[in-house]
Amino acid sequence: MSVDSSVPQIRFKGFSGEWVENDLGELIDIRSAARVHKEQWTKAGVPFFRTSDVVSIYKGQENAKAFISQEVYQGLSEKIGKLKKDDLLITGGGSIGIPYLVPNDDPLYFKDADLLWLKNDCKFDGYFLYTFFFSSPFKKYLKSISHIGTIAHYTIEQAKSTPINTCDTEEQTAIGSTFQKLDSLINQHQQKHDKLSNIKKAMLEKMFPKQGETIPEIRFKGFRGEWDEISLSDFGIATSGTSIESEFTKDGKYKVISIGSYSENSVYTEQGIRASLSPKTESRVLNKNDLTMILNDKTLAGNIIGRVLLIDEDDSYVYNQRTQRIEPFNEFDPKFLYQFLNAPSIRKKIFKASQGNTQIYVNWSAISKLKYIVPKKDEQTAIGNYFQKLDALINQHQQQITKLNNIKQACLSKMFV
């Protein structure tokens, strides 16, 4: 490993020598587009990219598409040329410095005020140049030209002045290919994660009865009959949390469950808060298969209030104020209750019962009377096991995404200079 700033810390075998520093504008043509007026946009035709399109592609999100006619595209392209495979579009306003690698020679145009065009003309390996815009050297440059308190911009002149260290084409191709494979693996796991998450979302809607009904739309084979109406307080012994902040200590044995421990996907969030065993906490030690419900939310949106955690081991957690402990009775399956109470259609009941302005809250005495429709325990167990397996698959893909992203970030910091 070299400490020379012109040589990367990690390098493929067979490559040597220093990388060469230039300003990006010395190596590649950087330009903008000819103006397109909004009245020229159409509902179909040649794709017309804006910052929102590039950002949504980067984030893997959907975005309302814009188009221009073939005739308008031909006229504009005659003025400035056409985007080609391995050219880049870079966001110049708002979320600046986000790249889009043009995948082919198909007609494509872009908004002049939003995006910069890096006309590659085979001067760079396309994926190498694309990846450079995520690297530590570029992020450092971007930070140096950003001004606190003003709207961020990445202009043509700033793009031309961007320092970039380059290697020969073969090494660029090796680096670009590596990151392309990494991104492909991340994307594959993300697609599977999203597909399973969508399946879970649909099943949460269909495997619990709708409002006013007593039978779910989808049911496992062998189960029939109506579900029973039960109050929330009938699920188990409920105990309110109390303030235990005085027992917080760096080396405490117990993880603390408080408002910050609840996430929007109903999974425990590690805050690094610990508590010791004391007369004040000993009655707040949770057992495996206990449920905890948060009764506060820091936002008016109510994305956290009423969410439930399922405790996964004995003698490891204590709960703080504004959390309600539920120790399920034997006739209820804890895994079922966890999925059931976190289902969007079920949580609506608690959100409707909430009070407050800047922070919303519910009182257990009020929501404990809410009525729910639930099946017998054997059907509860089948449903709980199904969702547990689905969650495990979703979590596996999320773990792979996290692992691959960590590898990618490490490579970004060590394979560019």
Protein backbone atom coordinates (compact mmCIF):
# COMPACT_ATOMS: atom_id res chain seq x y z
CA MET A 1 0.00 0.00 0.00
CA SER A 2 1.40 3.37 -1.01
CA VAL A 3 1.08 6.66 0.79
CA ASP A 4 1.70 8.50 -2.51
CA SER A 5 -1.43 10.58 -3.18
CA SER A 6 -1.16 9.87 -6.91
CA VAL A 7 -1.44 6.10 -6.44
CA PRO A 8 -4.62 4.40 -5.08
CA GLN A 9 -4.44 2.35 -1.89
CA ILE A 10 -6.05 -0.65 -3.60
CA ARG A 11 -5.08 -1.59 -7.13
CA PHE A 12 -5.60 -4.54 -9.46
CA LYS A 13 -2.62 -6.77 -10.13
CA GLY A 14 -0.66 -5.81 -13.23
CA PHE A 15 -1.18 -2.06 -13.02
CA SER A 16 1.50 0.34 -11.85
CA GLY A 17 2.64 3.93 -12.20
CA GLU A 18 1.17 7.17 -10.96
CA TRP A 19 -2.26 8.45 -11.89
CA VAL A 20 -2.30 11.78 -13.73
CA GLU A 21 -4.18 14.78 -12.35
CA ASN A 22 -6.13 17.08 -14.67
CA ASP A 23 -9.15 19.31 -14.55
CA LEU A 24 -12.14 17.42 -15.94
CA GLY A 25 -12.76 20.12 -18.55
CA GLU A 26 -9.30 19.51 -20.02
CA LEU A 27 -10.22 15.91 -20.82
CA ILE A 28 -13.85 16.00 -21.82
CA ASP A 29 -16.40 18.35 -23.36
CA ILE A 30 -18.88 19.67 -20.77
CA ARG A 31 -21.95 21.52 -22.01
CA SER A 32 -25.61 22.22 -21.38
CA ALA A 33 -28.71 21.78 -23.53
CA ALA A 34 -30.65 24.11 -25.79
CA ARG A 35 -33.73 25.40 -23.99
CA VAL A 36 -37.00 23.46 -24.11
CA HIS A 37 -40.14 25.36 -23.14
CA LYS A 38 -42.66 23.57 -20.94
CA GLU A 39 -45.37 23.90 -23.56
CA GLN A 40 -43.18 21.69 -25.77
CA TRP A 41 -43.44 18.80 -23.32
CA THR A 42 -45.64 15.93 -24.47
CA LYS A 43 -47.18 12.81 -22.92
CA ALA A 44 -45.10 10.49 -25.10
CA GLY A 45 -42.16 10.63 -27.45
CA VAL A 46 -38.47 11.23 -26.64
CA PRO A 47 -37.68 11.05 -22.89
CA PHE A 48 -36.92 14.49 -21.42
CA PHE A 49 -34.76 14.28 -18.28
CA ARG A 50 -34.75 16.71 -15.37
CA THR A 51 -32.93 16.63 -12.02
CA SER A 52 -35.87 14.71 -10.51
CA ASP A 53 -35.44 11.95 -13.10
CA VAL A 54 -31.74 11.47 -12.38
CA VAL A 55 -32.29 11.57 -8.60
CA SER A 56 -35.19 9.11 -8.76
CA ILE A 57 -33.15 6.65 -10.87
CA TYR A 58 -30.27 6.94 -8.39
CA LYS A 59 -32.63 6.26 -5.48
CA GLY A 60 -34.54 3.52 -7.30
CA GLN A 61 -37.80 5.44 -7.11
CA GLU A 62 -40.58 6.19 -9.57
CA ASN A 63 -40.92 9.66 -11.06
CA ALA A 64 -43.52 11.27 -13.32
CA LYS A 65 -41.98 11.20 -16.80
CA ALA A 66 -41.71 14.06 -19.29
CA PHE A 67 -41.27 13.81 -23.07
CA ILE A 68 -40.74 15.94 -26.16
CA SER A 69 -41.77 15.17 -29.72
CA GLN A 70 -39.41 13.55 -32.22
CA GLU A 71 -39.55 16.72 -34.32
CA VAL A 72 -38.50 18.98 -31.41
CA TYR A 73 -35.73 16.52 -30.49
CA GLN A 74 -34.33 16.49 -34.03
CA GLY A 75 -34.30 20.28 -34.20
CA LEU A 76 -32.53 20.65 -30.83
CA SER A 77 -30.05 17.88 -31.56
CA GLU A 78 -29.00 19.60 -34.75
CA LYS A 79 -27.93 22.55 -32.59
CA ILE A 80 -25.93 20.76 -29.89
CA GLY A 81 -25.60 17.11 -30.92
CA LYS A 82 -27.04 13.88 -29.51
CA LEU A 83 -26.43 12.05 -26.25
CA LYS A 84 -24.55 8.81 -26.83
CA LYS A 85 -23.80 5.65 -24.85
CA ASP A 86 -21.39 6.32 -21.93
CA ASP A 87 -22.11 10.06 -21.89
CA LEU A 88 -23.09 11.36 -18.44
CA LEU A 89 -25.73 13.74 -17.18
CA ILE A 90 -24.88 15.39 -13.84
CA THR A 91 -27.33 17.20 -11.57
CA GLY A 92 -26.36 20.86 -11.32
CA GLY A 93 -28.97 22.17 -8.89
CA GLY A 94 -30.62 20.96 -5.68
CA SER A 95 -29.15 17.49 -5.10
CA ILE A 96 -25.95 18.32 -6.95
CA GLY A 97 -23.33 16.03 -8.42
CA ILE A 98 -25.51 12.96 -8.94
CA PRO A 99 -24.60 11.20 -12.22
CA TYR A 100 -26.66 9.32 -14.78
CA LEU A 101 -24.77 7.09 -17.20
CA VAL A 102 -26.45 7.04 -20.62
CA PRO A 103 -26.91 3.30 -21.34
CA ASN A 104 -27.39 3.39 -25.14
CA ASP A 105 -27.77 5.60 -28.20
CA ASP A 106 -31.56 5.82 -27.98
CA PRO A 107 -33.00 9.35 -28.31
CA LEU A 108 -32.82 11.28 -25.02
CA TYR A 109 -32.87 14.98 -24.19
CA PHE A 110 -32.53 16.97 -20.96
CA LYS A 111 -33.44 20.23 -19.26
CA ASP A 112 -30.85 22.98 -19.70
CA ALA A 113 -31.10 24.56 -16.22
CA ASP A 114 -31.04 21.25 -14.35
CA LEU A 115 -28.36 19.02 -15.83
CA LEU A 116 -24.82 19.14 -17.21
CA TRP A 117 -23.80 17.00 -20.18
CA LEU A 118 -20.40 15.27 -20.10
CA LYS A 119 -19.81 14.33 -23.73
CA ASN A 120 -17.56 11.31 -23.35
CA ASP A 121 -16.65 10.41 -26.95
CA CYS A 122 -14.89 7.25 -25.64
CA LYS A 123 -12.31 9.31 -23.72
CA PHE A 124 -13.21 7.50 -20.47
CA ASP A 125 -14.51 4.10 -19.58
CA GLY A 126 -18.14 5.07 -18.97
CA TYR A 127 -18.60 3.26 -15.67
CA PHE A 128 -15.25 4.49 -14.35
CA LEU A 129 -16.30 8.09 -14.96
CA TYR A 130 -19.78 7.43 -13.54
CA THR A 131 -18.27 5.91 -10.38
CA PHE A 132 -15.83 8.80 -9.97
CA PHE A 133 -18.80 11.01 -9.06
CA PHE A 134 -19.40 8.86 -5.97
CA SER A 135 -15.73 8.75 -4.93
CA SER A 136 -14.14 10.47 -1.95
CA PRO A 137 -12.03 12.89 -4.08
CA PHE A 138 -15.11 14.19 -5.89
CA LYS A 139 -17.17 14.45 -2.69
CA LYS A 140 -14.32 16.46 -1.15
CA TYR A 141 -14.29 18.84 -4.13
CA LEU A 142 -18.07 19.19 -4.05
CA LYS A 143 -17.94 20.12 -0.38
CA SER A 144 -15.27 22.76 -1.09
CA ILE A 145 -17.48 24.58 -3.61
CA SER A 146 -20.69 24.38 -1.57
CA HIS A 147 -21.72 27.46 0.38
CA ILE A 148 -23.62 27.19 3.67
CA GLY A 149 -26.93 29.01 3.61
CA THR A 150 -27.27 29.18 -0.18
CA ILE A 151 -28.92 26.89 -2.72
CA ALA A 152 -26.34 24.38 -3.94
CA HIS A 153 -25.24 24.54 -7.57
CA TYR A 154 -22.71 22.64 -9.65
CA THR A 155 -22.09 24.82 -12.69
CA ILE A 156 -20.43 24.11 -16.02
CA GLU A 157 -17.38 26.09 -14.93
CA GLN A 158 -17.16 24.20 -11.64
CA ALA A 159 -17.52 20.92 -13.53
CA LYS A 160 -14.73 21.90 -15.90
CA SER A 161 -12.52 22.77 -12.90
CA THR A 162 -13.22 19.47 -11.13
CA PRO A 163 -9.87 17.79 -10.35
CA ILE A 164 -9.71 14.19 -11.52
CA ASN A 165 -6.86 11.69 -11.36
CA THR A 166 -6.92 9.23 -14.21
CA CYS A 167 -5.18 6.01 -15.19
CA ASP A 168 -4.88 4.23 -18.54
CA THR A 169 -7.97 2.86 -20.27
CA GLU A 170 -7.35 -0.78 -19.28
CA GLU A 171 -7.20 0.09 -15.58
CA GLN A 172 -10.26 2.31 -15.92
CA THR A 173 -12.13 -0.62 -17.47
CA ALA A 174 -11.09 -2.96 -14.66
CA ILE A 175 -12.26 -0.47 -12.03
CA GLY A 176 -15.46 0.37 -13.87
CA SER A 177 -16.29 -3.32 -14.36
CA THR A 178 -15.79 -4.01 -10.64
CA PHE A 179 -18.18 -1.27 -9.57
CA GLN A 180 -20.66 -2.23 -12.26
CA LYS A 181 -20.77 -5.78 -10.88
CA LEU A 182 -21.14 -4.46 -7.32
CA ASP A 183 -23.98 -2.14 -8.34
CA SER A 184 -25.65 -5.00 -10.23
CA LEU A 185 -25.53 -7.24 -7.14
CA ILE A 186 -26.87 -4.44 -4.92
CA ASN A 187 -29.66 -3.80 -7.42
CA GLN A 188 -30.58 -7.51 -7.59
CA HIS A 189 -30.89 -7.75 -3.81
CA GLN A 190 -32.79 -4.44 -3.70
CA GLN A 191 -35.30 -5.66 -6.29
CA LYS A 192 -35.86 -8.91 -4.37
CA HIS A 193 -36.13 -6.96 -1.09
CA ASP A 194 -38.69 -4.57 -2.61
CA LYS A 195 -40.67 -7.41 -4.21
CA LEU A 196 -40.91 -9.28 -0.89
CA SER A 197 -41.77 -6.06 0.96
CA ASN A 198 -44.60 -5.42 -1.51
CA ILE A 199 -45.84 -9.00 -1.06
CA LYS A 200 -45.84 -8.47 2.71
CA LYS A 201 -47.70 -5.18 2.37
CA ALA A 202 -50.36 -6.84 0.21
CA MET A 203 -50.70 -9.82 2.57
CA LEU A 204 -51.08 -7.53 5.60
CA GLU A 205 -54.08 -6.02 3.82
CA LYS A 206 -55.62 -9.33 2.71
CA MET A 207 -54.89 -11.71 5.61
CA PHE A 208 -56.70 -9.60 8.22
CA PRO A 209 -60.42 -8.80 7.94
CA LYS A 210 -61.34 -5.38 6.57
CA GLN A 211 -63.27 -2.87 8.65
CA GLY A 212 -66.74 -4.25 9.41
CA GLU A 213 -65.88 -7.79 8.26
CA THR A 214 -65.09 -10.93 10.27
CA ILE A 215 -63.34 -13.09 7.62
CA PRO A 216 -60.09 -12.21 5.78
CA GLU A 217 -59.85 -12.10 1.98
CA ILE A 218 -56.96 -14.62 1.92
CA ARG A 219 -56.81 -17.56 4.30
CA PHE A 220 -54.68 -20.68 4.73
CA LYS A 221 -56.25 -23.97 3.70
CA GLY A 222 -58.12 -25.76 6.48
CA PHE A 223 -59.32 -22.69 8.37
CA ARG A 224 -62.92 -21.49 8.28
CA GLY A 225 -65.47 -19.64 10.32
CA GLU A 226 -65.63 -16.06 11.56
CA TRP A 227 -62.94 -14.41 13.63
CA ASP A 228 -63.81 -13.24 17.15
CA GLU A 229 -64.06 -9.69 18.47
CA ILE A 230 -61.66 -8.97 21.33
CA SER A 231 -60.51 -5.82 23.14
CA LEU A 232 -56.86 -4.80 23.00
CA SER A 233 -56.60 -5.28 26.77
CA ASP A 234 -57.68 -8.94 26.36
CA PHE A 235 -54.47 -9.88 24.54
CA GLY A 236 -52.39 -10.03 27.70
CA ILE A 237 -51.30 -8.45 30.96
CA ALA A 238 -50.52 -4.78 30.27
CA THR A 239 -48.08 -2.75 32.37
CA SER A 240 -47.22 0.91 31.81
CA GLY A 241 -43.61 2.05 31.61
CA THR A 242 -42.13 4.56 34.02
CA SER A 243 -39.18 6.95 33.79
CA ILE A 244 -35.91 5.06 34.27
CA GLU A 245 -33.49 7.73 32.95
CA SER A 246 -31.81 7.84 36.38
CA GLU A 247 -30.69 4.23 35.86
CA PHE A 248 -29.00 4.87 32.49
CA THR A 249 -25.32 3.95 32.59
CA LYS A 250 -22.70 3.37 29.91
CA ASP A 251 -21.91 -0.19 30.98
CA GLY A 252 -25.45 -1.22 31.94
CA LYS A 253 -26.60 -4.77 31.30
CA TYR A 254 -29.92 -3.92 29.67
CA LYS A 255 -30.83 -2.35 26.34
CA VAL A 256 -33.44 0.37 26.85
CA ILE A 257 -36.67 0.48 24.87
CA SER A 258 -37.93 4.06 24.59
CA ILE A 259 -39.52 6.23 21.91
CA GLY A 260 -36.35 6.24 19.78
CA SER A 261 -36.27 2.44 19.72
CA TYR A 262 -39.29 2.18 17.41
CA SER A 263 -38.77 2.40 13.65
CA GLU A 264 -41.23 2.76 10.79
CA ASN A 265 -40.64 -0.88 9.85
CA SER A 266 -41.44 -1.99 13.42
CA VAL A 267 -37.90 -3.24 14.08
CA TYR A 268 -35.91 -2.34 17.19
CA THR A 269 -33.53 0.60 16.65
CA GLU A 270 -30.30 0.41 18.64
CA GLN A 271 -29.67 3.77 20.34
CA GLY A 272 -26.71 2.67 22.43
CA ILE A 273 -28.61 3.43 25.67
CA ARG A 274 -28.07 1.02 28.56
CA ALA A 275 -29.53 0.68 32.06
CA SER A 276 -28.37 -1.18 35.12
CA LEU A 277 -30.39 -3.55 37.28
CA SER A 278 -31.86 -1.72 40.27
CA PRO A 279 -35.02 -1.69 42.36
CA LYS A 280 -36.40 0.77 39.79
CA THR A 281 -35.69 -1.37 36.70
CA GLU A 282 -36.11 -4.93 37.99
CA SER A 283 -39.87 -4.83 37.41
CA ARG A 284 -39.26 -3.44 33.90
CA VAL A 285 -37.09 -6.33 32.66
CA LEU A 286 -38.75 -7.89 29.59
CA ASN A 287 -39.10 -11.57 28.73
CA LYS A 288 -38.88 -13.26 25.35
CA ASN A 289 -42.20 -12.96 23.42
CA ASP A 290 -43.34 -9.93 25.41
CA LEU A 291 -44.67 -7.10 23.25
CA THR A 292 -44.01 -3.42 23.79
CA MET A 293 -46.15 -0.65 22.28
CA ILE A 294 -45.11 3.01 21.96
CA LEU A 295 -47.77 5.50 23.05
CA ASN A 296 -46.05 8.70 21.81
CA ASP A 297 -44.98 10.05 18.45
CA LYS A 298 -42.66 13.00 17.86
CA THR A 299 -44.40 13.89 14.58
CA LEU A 300 -47.96 14.70 13.55
CA ALA A 301 -47.72 12.10 10.76
CA GLY A 302 -48.08 9.35 13.35
CA ASN A 303 -45.70 6.92 11.65
CA ILE A 304 -44.46 5.55 14.98
CA ILE A 305 -47.36 5.77 17.42
CA GLY A 306 -48.88 2.40 18.31
CA ARG A 307 -46.06 0.38 16.77
CA VAL A 308 -45.15 -2.82 18.54
CA LEU A 309 -41.85 -4.62 19.13
CA LEU A 310 -41.56 -8.36 19.77
CA ILE A 311 -38.89 -9.12 22.38
CA ASP A 312 -36.48 -11.74 21.03
CA GLU A 313 -34.67 -12.87 24.21
CA ASP A 314 -35.02 -13.02 28.00
CA ASP A 315 -33.30 -10.68 30.45
CA SER A 316 -31.85 -8.30 27.83
CA TYR A 317 -34.26 -5.32 27.63
CA VAL A 318 -35.97 -2.88 29.97
CA TYR A 319 -38.67 -0.42 28.94
CA ASN A 320 -38.96 3.27 29.62
CA GLN A 321 -41.90 5.64 30.05
CA ARG A 322 -44.60 5.98 27.34
CA THR A 323 -44.12 2.33 26.40
CA GLN A 324 -46.74 -0.28 27.29
CA ARG A 325 -45.68 -3.83 28.02
CA ILE A 326 -48.05 -6.63 26.92
CA GLU A 327 -47.43 -10.16 28.20
CA PRO A 328 -49.60 -12.27 25.89
CA PHE A 329 -52.03 -14.81 27.36
CA ASN A 330 -51.59 -18.44 26.27
CA GLU A 331 -54.46 -18.28 23.77
CA PHE A 332 -52.57 -15.71 21.69
CA ASP A 333 -49.53 -16.29 19.50
CA PRO A 334 -46.94 -13.49 20.07
CA LYS A 335 -45.68 -13.60 16.47
CA PHE A 336 -49.24 -13.15 15.22
CA LEU A 337 -49.93 -10.25 17.59
CA TYR A 338 -46.70 -8.56 16.48
CA GLN A 339 -47.68 -8.67 12.81
CA PHE A 340 -51.35 -7.99 13.48
CA LEU A 341 -50.85 -4.89 15.63
CA ASN A 342 -48.29 -3.43 13.21
CA ALA A 343 -50.48 -3.92 10.15
CA PRO A 344 -51.38 -0.52 8.61
CA SER A 345 -55.14 -1.15 8.71
CA ILE A 346 -54.95 -2.09 12.40
CA ARG A 347 -52.68 0.80 13.43
CA LYS A 348 -55.23 3.25 12.03
CA LYS A 349 -57.36 2.56 15.08
CA ILE A 350 -54.66 3.85 17.41
CA PHE A 351 -53.79 6.82 15.22
CA LYS A 352 -57.46 7.88 15.20
CA ALA A 353 -57.45 7.76 18.99
CA SER A 354 -54.37 10.01 19.27
CA GLN A 355 -54.28 13.50 20.76
CA GLY A 356 -51.81 16.40 20.82
CA ASN A 357 -50.30 19.04 18.56
CA THR A 358 -46.53 19.07 17.95
CA GLN A 359 -46.34 15.60 19.51
CA ILE A 360 -49.21 13.16 19.46
CA TYR A 361 -49.96 10.55 22.11
CA VAL A 362 -52.53 8.03 23.28
CA ASN A 363 -53.47 6.85 26.75
CA TRP A 364 -53.55 3.10 27.35
CA SER A 365 -56.76 3.45 29.35
CA ALA A 366 -58.46 4.74 26.19
CA ILE A 367 -57.01 2.45 23.52
CA SER A 368 -57.22 -0.68 25.69
CA LYS A 369 -60.96 -0.67 24.91
CA LEU A 370 -60.45 -0.74 21.14
CA LYS A 371 -62.01 -3.80 19.49
CA TYR A 372 -60.13 -6.16 17.17
CA ILE A 373 -61.12 -9.22 15.14
CA VAL A 374 -58.78 -12.22 15.64
CA PRO A 375 -58.82 -15.96 14.83
CA LYS A 376 -58.25 -18.97 17.06
CA LYS A 377 -54.67 -19.70 18.12
CA ASP A 378 -53.89 -22.39 15.51
CA GLU A 379 -54.71 -19.95 12.70
CA GLN A 380 -52.82 -17.20 14.52
CA THR A 381 -49.75 -19.46 14.59
CA ALA A 382 -50.00 -20.21 10.85
CA ILE A 383 -50.23 -16.50 10.04
CA GLY A 384 -47.45 -15.56 12.47
CA ASN A 385 -45.10 -18.21 11.05
CA TYR A 386 -45.82 -17.09 7.48
CA PHE A 387 -44.91 -13.48 8.19
CA GLN A 388 -41.90 -14.49 10.28
CA LYS A 389 -40.47 -16.39 7.28
CA LEU A 390 -41.26 -13.46 4.98
CA ASP A 391 -39.51 -11.05 7.37
CA ALA A 392 -36.47 -13.36 7.50
CA LEU A 393 -36.18 -13.32 3.69
CA ILE A 394 -36.56 -9.53 3.59
CA ASN A 395 -33.94 -9.16 6.30
CA GLN A 396 -31.50 -11.45 4.47
CA HIS A 397 -31.63 -9.27 1.38
CA GLN A 398 -31.31 -6.11 3.49
CA GLN A 399 -28.22 -7.53 5.17
CA GLN A 400 -26.68 -8.31 1.77
CA ILE A 401 -27.49 -4.78 0.55
CA THR A 402 -25.81 -3.30 3.64
CA LYS A 403 -22.78 -5.58 3.28
CA LEU A 404 -22.32 -4.80 -0.42
CA ASN A 405 -22.78 -1.07 0.14
CA ASN A 406 -20.11 -1.15 2.84
CA ILE A 407 -17.75 -2.92 0.44
CA LYS A 408 -18.57 -0.36 -2.24
CA GLN A 409 -17.90 2.59 0.08
CA ALA A 410 -14.57 1.10 1.15
CA CYS A 411 -13.57 0.62 -2.48
CA LEU A 412 -14.67 4.15 -3.40
CA SER A 413 -12.34 5.55 -0.76
CA LYS A 414 -9.37 3.35 -1.71
CA MET A 415 -9.54 2.84 -5.48
CA PHE A 416 -9.61 6.52 -6.50
CA VAL A 417 -7.08 9.24 -5.73
